[in-house]
Amino acid sequence: MAANILTGSALIEQIFSIPGIGQQFVTSIPTKDYPVIMGTTIVYAVMVAILLTDIITSFVDPRVRLK
């Protein structure tokens, strides 16, 4: 699933000609640019953690809801 998200964002960036982190991640893999790979992996992990935290918070605390 994570690979689909990463390559999906790179595909959208390619279609709309938007420079972004997905394309940077995909191009750094064949060149073995390990600091970029590690950095983008950390950024994606933090984004997923924040998303999961928001979802769990909305289930646990009923006062936190989208209106």
PDB file of N, CA and C in Angstrom:
ATOM      1  N   MET A   1       0.822  -1.180   0.000  1.00  0.00           N
ATOM      2  CA  MET A   1       0.000   0.000   0.000  1.00  0.00           C
ATOM      3  C   MET A   1       0.874   1.255   0.000  1.00  0.00           C
ATOM      4  N   ALA A   2       1.944   1.238   0.770  1.00  0.00           N
ATOM      5  CA  ALA A   2       2.821   2.409   0.835  1.00  0.00           C
ATOM      6  C   ALA A   2       3.465   2.685  -0.521  1.00  0.00           C
ATOM      7  N   ALA A   3       3.846   1.629  -1.216  1.00  0.00           N
ATOM      8  CA  ALA A   3       4.451   1.821  -2.537  1.00  0.00           C
ATOM      9  C   ALA A   3       3.452   2.439  -3.513  1.00  0.00           C
ATOM     10  N   ASN A   4       2.196   2.049  -3.417  1.00  0.00           N
ATOM     11  CA  ASN A   4       1.173   2.643  -4.285  1.00  0.00           C
ATOM     12  C   ASN A   4       0.975   4.124  -3.996  1.00  0.00           C
ATOM     13  N   ILE A   5       1.027   4.492  -2.728  1.00  0.00           N
ATOM     14  CA  ILE A   5       0.879   5.910  -2.364  1.00  0.00           C
ATOM     15  C   ILE A   5       2.056   6.710  -2.891  1.00  0.00           C
ATOM     16  N   LEU A   6       3.257   6.189  -2.711  1.00  0.00           N
ATOM     17  CA  LEU A   6       4.451   6.910  -3.141  1.00  0.00           C
ATOM     18  C   LEU A   6       4.499   7.061  -4.654  1.00  0.00           C
ATOM     19  N   THR A   7       4.249   5.974  -5.366  1.00  0.00           N
ATOM     20  CA  THR A   7       4.303   6.061  -6.821  1.00  0.00           C
ATOM     21  C   THR A   7       3.079   6.763  -7.375  1.00  0.00           C
ATOM     22  N   GLY A   8       1.958   6.715  -6.666  1.00  0.00           N
ATOM     23  CA  GLY A   8       0.762   7.435  -7.099  1.00  0.00           C
ATOM     24  C   GLY A   8       0.977   8.928  -7.043  1.00  0.00           C
ATOM     25  N   SER A   9       1.631   9.403  -5.989  1.00  0.00           N
ATOM     26  CA  SER A   9       1.901  10.839  -5.918  1.00  0.00           C
ATOM     27  C   SER A   9       2.900  11.240  -6.999  1.00  0.00           C
ATOM     28  N   ALA A  10       3.845  10.388  -7.314  1.00  0.00           N
ATOM     29  CA  ALA A  10       4.798  10.683  -8.386  1.00  0.00           C
ATOM     30  C   ALA A  10       4.083  10.721  -9.731  1.00  0.00           C
ATOM     31  N   LEU A  11       3.094   9.866  -9.917  1.00  0.00           N
ATOM     32  CA  LEU A  11       2.329   9.857 -11.164  1.00  0.00           C
ATOM     33  C   LEU A  11       1.530  11.147 -11.314  1.00  0.00           C
ATOM     34  N   ILE A  12       0.882  11.589 -10.265  1.00  0.00           N
ATOM     35  CA  ILE A  12       0.122  12.845 -10.310  1.00  0.00           C
ATOM     36  C   ILE A  12       1.059  14.023 -10.569  1.00  0.00           C
ATOM     37  N   GLU A  13       2.225  14.004  -9.937  1.00  0.00           N
ATOM     38  CA  GLU A  13       3.201  15.072 -10.156  1.00  0.00           C
ATOM     39  C   GLU A  13       3.670  15.091 -11.605  1.00  0.00           C
ATOM     40  N   GLN A  14       3.802  13.933 -12.202  1.00  0.00           N
ATOM     41  CA  GLN A  14       4.229  13.838 -13.601  1.00  0.00           C
ATOM     42  C   GLN A  14       3.135  14.339 -14.537  1.00  0.00           C
ATOM     43  N   ILE A  15       1.894  13.967 -14.279  1.00  0.00           N
ATOM     44  CA  ILE A  15       0.787  14.351 -15.156  1.00  0.00           C
ATOM     45  C   ILE A  15       0.578  15.860 -15.146  1.00  0.00           C
ATOM     46  N   PHE A  16       0.575  16.455 -13.949  1.00  0.00           N
ATOM     47  CA  PHE A  16       0.292  17.881 -13.830  1.00  0.00           C
ATOM     48  C   PHE A  16       1.549  18.749 -13.814  1.00  0.00           C
ATOM     49  N   SER A  17       2.707  18.159 -14.030  1.00  0.00           N
ATOM     50  CA  SER A  17       3.996  18.869 -14.056  1.00  0.00           C
ATOM     51  C   SER A  17       4.233  19.676 -12.782  1.00  0.00           C
ATOM     52  N   ILE A  18       3.958  19.028 -11.640  1.00  0.00           N
ATOM     53  CA  ILE A  18       4.160  19.659 -10.341  1.00  0.00           C
ATOM     54  C   ILE A  18       5.405  19.036  -9.709  1.00  0.00           C
ATOM     55  N   PRO A  19       6.424  19.824  -9.398  1.00  0.00           N
ATOM     56  CA  PRO A  19       7.570  19.238  -8.711  1.00  0.00           C
ATOM     57  C   PRO A  19       7.190  18.885  -7.274  1.00  0.00           C
ATOM     58  N   GLY A  20       7.579  17.703  -6.841  1.00  0.00           N
ATOM     59  CA  GLY A  20       7.184  17.298  -5.495  1.00  0.00           C
ATOM     60  C   GLY A  20       8.055  16.195  -4.938  1.00  0.00           C
ATOM     61  N   ILE A  21       7.686  15.771  -3.751  1.00  0.00           N
ATOM     62  CA  ILE A  21       8.492  14.805  -3.012  1.00  0.00           C
ATOM     63  C   ILE A  21       8.361  13.397  -3.596  1.00  0.00           C
ATOM     64  N   GLY A  22       7.235  13.078  -4.227  1.00  0.00           N
ATOM     65  CA  GLY A  22       7.059  11.747  -4.811  1.00  0.00           C
ATOM     66  C   GLY A  22       8.029  11.499  -5.952  1.00  0.00           C
ATOM     67  N   GLN A  23       8.134  12.456  -6.838  1.00  0.00           N
ATOM     68  CA  GLN A  23       9.067  12.324  -7.963  1.00  0.00           C
ATOM     69  C   GLN A  23      10.509  12.285  -7.471  1.00  0.00           C
ATOM     70  N   GLN A  24      10.806  13.093  -6.480  1.00  0.00           N
ATOM     71  CA  GLN A  24      12.161  13.103  -5.912  1.00  0.00           C
ATOM     72  C   GLN A  24      12.506  11.738  -5.315  1.00  0.00           C
ATOM     73  N   PHE A  25      11.540  11.134  -4.651  1.00  0.00           N
ATOM     74  CA  PHE A  25      11.746   9.819  -4.049  1.00  0.00           C
ATOM     75  C   PHE A  25      11.984   8.758  -5.120  1.00  0.00           C
ATOM     76  N   VAL A  26      11.162   8.780  -6.156  1.00  0.00           N
ATOM     77  CA  VAL A  26      11.280   7.776  -7.219  1.00  0.00           C
ATOM     78  C   VAL A  26      12.598   7.914  -7.974  1.00  0.00           C
ATOM     79  N   THR A  27      13.044   9.134  -8.241  1.00  0.00           N
ATOM     80  CA  THR A  27      14.302   9.310  -8.968  1.00  0.00           C
ATOM     81  C   THR A  27      15.528   9.045  -8.100  1.00  0.00           C
ATOM     82  N   SER A  28      15.389   9.108  -6.784  1.00  0.00           N
ATOM     83  CA  SER A  28      16.542   8.857  -5.918  1.00  0.00           C
ATOM     84  C   SER A  28      16.807   7.370  -5.718  1.00  0.00           C
ATOM     85  N   ILE A  29      15.844   6.521  -5.998  1.00  0.00           N
ATOM     86  CA  ILE A  29      16.039   5.083  -5.791  1.00  0.00           C
ATOM     87  C   ILE A  29      17.066   4.501  -6.764  1.00  0.00           C
ATOM     88  N   PRO A  30      16.946   4.709  -8.088  1.00  0.00           N
ATOM     89  CA  PRO A  30      17.954   4.120  -8.981  1.00  0.00           C
ATOM     90  C   PRO A  30      19.355   4.714  -8.799  1.00  0.00           C
ATOM     91  N   THR A  31      19.427   5.966  -8.359  1.00  0.00           N
ATOM     92  CA  THR A  31      20.741   6.583  -8.173  1.00  0.00           C
ATOM     93  C   THR A  31      21.342   6.284  -6.808  1.00  0.00           C
ATOM     94  N   LYS A  32      20.589   5.560  -5.982  1.00  0.00           N
ATOM     95  CA  LYS A  32      21.028   5.151  -4.638  1.00  0.00           C
ATOM     96  C   LYS A  32      21.437   6.355  -3.789  1.00  0.00           C
ATOM     97  N   ASP A  33      20.587   7.359  -3.804  1.00  0.00           N
ATOM     98  CA  ASP A  33      20.806   8.552  -2.998  1.00  0.00           C
ATOM     99  C   ASP A  33      20.157   8.302  -1.633  1.00  0.00           C
ATOM    100  N   TYR A  34      20.891   7.634  -0.757  1.00  0.00           N
ATOM    101  CA  TYR A  34      20.341   7.153   0.505  1.00  0.00           C
ATOM    102  C   TYR A  34      19.848   8.254   1.441  1.00  0.00           C
ATOM    103  N   PRO A  35      20.507   9.386   1.570  1.00  0.00           N
ATOM    104  CA  PRO A  35      19.944  10.428   2.446  1.00  0.00           C
ATOM    105  C   PRO A  35      18.566  10.925   1.982  1.00  0.00           C
ATOM    106  N   VAL A  36      18.374  11.039   0.678  1.00  0.00           N
ATOM    107  CA  VAL A  36      17.069  11.472   0.168  1.00  0.00           C
ATOM    108  C   VAL A  36      16.025  10.387   0.412  1.00  0.00           C
ATOM    109  N   ILE A  37      16.393   9.138   0.196  1.00  0.00           N
ATOM    110  CA  ILE A  37      15.467   8.029   0.429  1.00  0.00           C
ATOM    111  C   ILE A  37      15.060   7.980   1.898  1.00  0.00           C
ATOM    112  N   MET A  38      16.020   8.098   2.793  1.00  0.00           N
ATOM    113  CA  MET A  38      15.708   8.065   4.227  1.00  0.00           C
ATOM    114  C   MET A  38      14.874   9.269   4.646  1.00  0.00           C
ATOM    115  N   GLY A  39      15.190  10.433   4.118  1.00  0.00           N
ATOM    116  CA  GLY A  39      14.447  11.635   4.473  1.00  0.00           C
ATOM    117  C   GLY A  39      13.005  11.586   4.019  1.00  0.00           C
ATOM    118  N   THR A  40      12.787  11.166   2.774  1.00  0.00           N
ATOM    119  CA  THR A  40      11.411  11.092   2.281  1.00  0.00           C
ATOM    120  C   THR A  40      10.627   9.993   2.987  1.00  0.00           C
ATOM    121  N   THR A  41      11.290   8.914   3.341  1.00  0.00           N
ATOM    122  CA  THR A  41      10.622   7.858   4.095  1.00  0.00           C
ATOM    123  C   THR A  41      10.178   8.371   5.454  1.00  0.00           C
ATOM    124  N   ILE A  42      11.009   9.150   6.110  1.00  0.00           N
ATOM    125  CA  ILE A  42      10.643   9.723   7.408  1.00  0.00           C
ATOM    126  C   ILE A  42       9.485  10.698   7.255  1.00  0.00           C
ATOM    127  N   VAL A  43       9.518  11.513   6.220  1.00  0.00           N
ATOM    128  CA  VAL A  43       8.425  12.472   5.991  1.00  0.00           C
ATOM    129  C   VAL A  43       7.106  11.740   5.766  1.00  0.00           C
ATOM    130  N   TYR A  44       7.117  10.701   4.935  1.00  0.00           N
ATOM    131  CA  TYR A  44       5.897   9.941   4.698  1.00  0.00           C
ATOM    132  C   TYR A  44       5.431   9.238   5.965  1.00  0.00           C
ATOM    133  N   ALA A  45       6.355   8.706   6.765  1.00  0.00           N
ATOM    134  CA  ALA A  45       5.983   8.035   8.007  1.00  0.00           C
ATOM    135  C   ALA A  45       5.328   9.010   8.985  1.00  0.00           C
ATOM    136  N   VAL A  46       5.864  10.218   9.075  1.00  0.00           N
ATOM    137  CA  VAL A  46       5.267  11.222   9.957  1.00  0.00           C
ATOM    138  C   VAL A  46       3.880  11.619   9.455  1.00  0.00           C
ATOM    139  N   MET A  47       3.725  11.748   8.156  1.00  0.00           N
ATOM    140  CA  MET A  47       2.413  12.099   7.597  1.00  0.00           C
ATOM    141  C   MET A  47       1.382  11.018   7.903  1.00  0.00           C
ATOM    142  N   VAL A  48       1.763   9.758   7.779  1.00  0.00           N
ATOM    143  CA  VAL A  48       0.851   8.654   8.074  1.00  0.00           C
ATOM    144  C   VAL A  48       0.531   8.618   9.567  1.00  0.00           C
ATOM    145  N   ALA A  49       1.531   8.862  10.413  1.00  0.00           N
ATOM    146  CA  ALA A  49       1.300   8.861  11.854  1.00  0.00           C
ATOM    147  C   ALA A  49       0.336   9.969  12.258  1.00  0.00           C
ATOM    148  N   ILE A  50       0.476  11.137  11.670  1.00  0.00           N
ATOM    149  CA  ILE A  50      -0.435  12.240  11.979  1.00  0.00           C
ATOM    150  C   ILE A  50      -1.846  11.914  11.512  1.00  0.00           C
ATOM    151  N   LEU A  51      -1.974  11.326  10.328  1.00  0.00           N
ATOM    152  CA  LEU A  51      -3.286  10.947   9.819  1.00  0.00           C
ATOM    153  C   LEU A  51      -3.952   9.922  10.729  1.00  0.00           C
ATOM    154  N   LEU A  52      -3.217   8.899  11.134  1.00  0.00           N
ATOM    155  CA  LEU A  52      -3.769   7.881  12.024  1.00  0.00           C
ATOM    156  C   LEU A  52      -4.155   8.464  13.375  1.00  0.00           C
ATOM    157  N   THR A  53      -3.347   9.374  13.893  1.00  0.00           N
ATOM    158  CA  THR A  53      -3.659  10.025  15.157  1.00  0.00           C
ATOM    159  C   THR A  53      -4.954  10.821  15.049  1.00  0.00           C
ATOM    160  N   ASP A  54      -5.149  11.529  13.960  1.00  0.00           N
ATOM    161  CA  ASP A  54      -6.377  12.296  13.762  1.00  0.00           C
ATOM    162  C   ASP A  54      -7.599  11.382  13.674  1.00  0.00           C
ATOM    163  N   ILE A  55      -7.459  10.278  12.980  1.00  0.00           N
ATOM    164  CA  ILE A  55      -8.575   9.343  12.845  1.00  0.00           C
ATOM    165  C   ILE A  55      -8.928   8.721  14.188  1.00  0.00           C
ATOM    166  N   ILE A  56      -7.924   8.281  14.925  1.00  0.00           N
ATOM    167  CA  ILE A  56      -8.161   7.677  16.239  1.00  0.00           C
ATOM    168  C   ILE A  56      -8.764   8.692  17.202  1.00  0.00           C
ATOM    169  N   THR A  57      -8.285   9.927  17.159  1.00  0.00           N
ATOM    170  CA  THR A  57      -8.823  10.971  18.028  1.00  0.00           C
ATOM    171  C   THR A  57     -10.295  11.227  17.735  1.00  0.00           C
ATOM    172  N   SER A  58     -10.686  11.209  16.465  1.00  0.00           N
ATOM    173  CA  SER A  58     -12.092  11.443  16.125  1.00  0.00           C
ATOM    174  C   SER A  58     -12.987  10.312  16.615  1.00  0.00           C
ATOM    175  N   PHE A  59     -12.476   9.095  16.711  1.00  0.00           N
ATOM    176  CA  PHE A  59     -13.271   7.991  17.240  1.00  0.00           C
ATOM    177  C   PHE A  59     -13.346   8.024  18.757  1.00  0.00           C
ATOM    178  N   VAL A  60     -12.250   8.371  19.402  1.00  0.00           N
ATOM    179  CA  VAL A  60     -12.185   8.341  20.862  1.00  0.00           C
ATOM    180  C   VAL A  60     -12.937   9.512  21.488  1.00  0.00           C
ATOM    181  N   ASP A  61     -12.773  10.696  20.945  1.00  0.00           N
ATOM    182  CA  ASP A  61     -13.385  11.894  21.511  1.00  0.00           C
ATOM    183  C   ASP A  61     -14.507  12.375  20.595  1.00  0.00           C
ATOM    184  N   PRO A  62     -15.753  12.215  20.996  1.00  0.00           N
ATOM    185  CA  PRO A  62     -16.865  12.588  20.117  1.00  0.00           C
ATOM    186  C   PRO A  62     -16.974  14.108  19.883  1.00  0.00           C
ATOM    187  N   ARG A  63     -16.301  14.908  20.683  1.00  0.00           N
ATOM    188  CA  ARG A  63     -16.345  16.364  20.466  1.00  0.00           C
ATOM    189  C   ARG A  63     -15.533  16.776  19.242  1.00  0.00           C
ATOM    190  N   VAL A  64     -14.627  15.926  18.813  1.00  0.00           N
ATOM    191  CA  VAL A  64     -13.786  16.233  17.671  1.00  0.00           C
ATOM    192  C   VAL A  64     -14.402  15.567  16.441  1.00  0.00           C
ATOM    193  N   ARG A  65     -15.203  16.311  15.720  1.00  0.00           N
ATOM    194  CA  ARG A  65     -15.873  15.783  14.516  1.00  0.00           C
ATOM    195  C   ARG A  65     -15.830  16.840  13.426  1.00  0.00           C
ATOM    196  N   LEU A  66     -15.857  16.391  12.184  1.00  0.00           N
ATOM    197  CA  LEU A  66     -16.007  17.301  11.072  1.00  0.00           C
ATOM    198  C   LEU A  66     -17.473  17.694  10.942  1.00  0.00           C
ATOM    199  N   LYS A  67     -17.721  18.947  10.676  1.00  0.00           N
ATOM    200  CA  LYS A  67     -19.114  19.395  10.582  1.00  0.00           C
ATOM    201  C   LYS A  67     -19.483  19.725   9.159  1.00  0.00           C
TER     202      LYS A  67
END
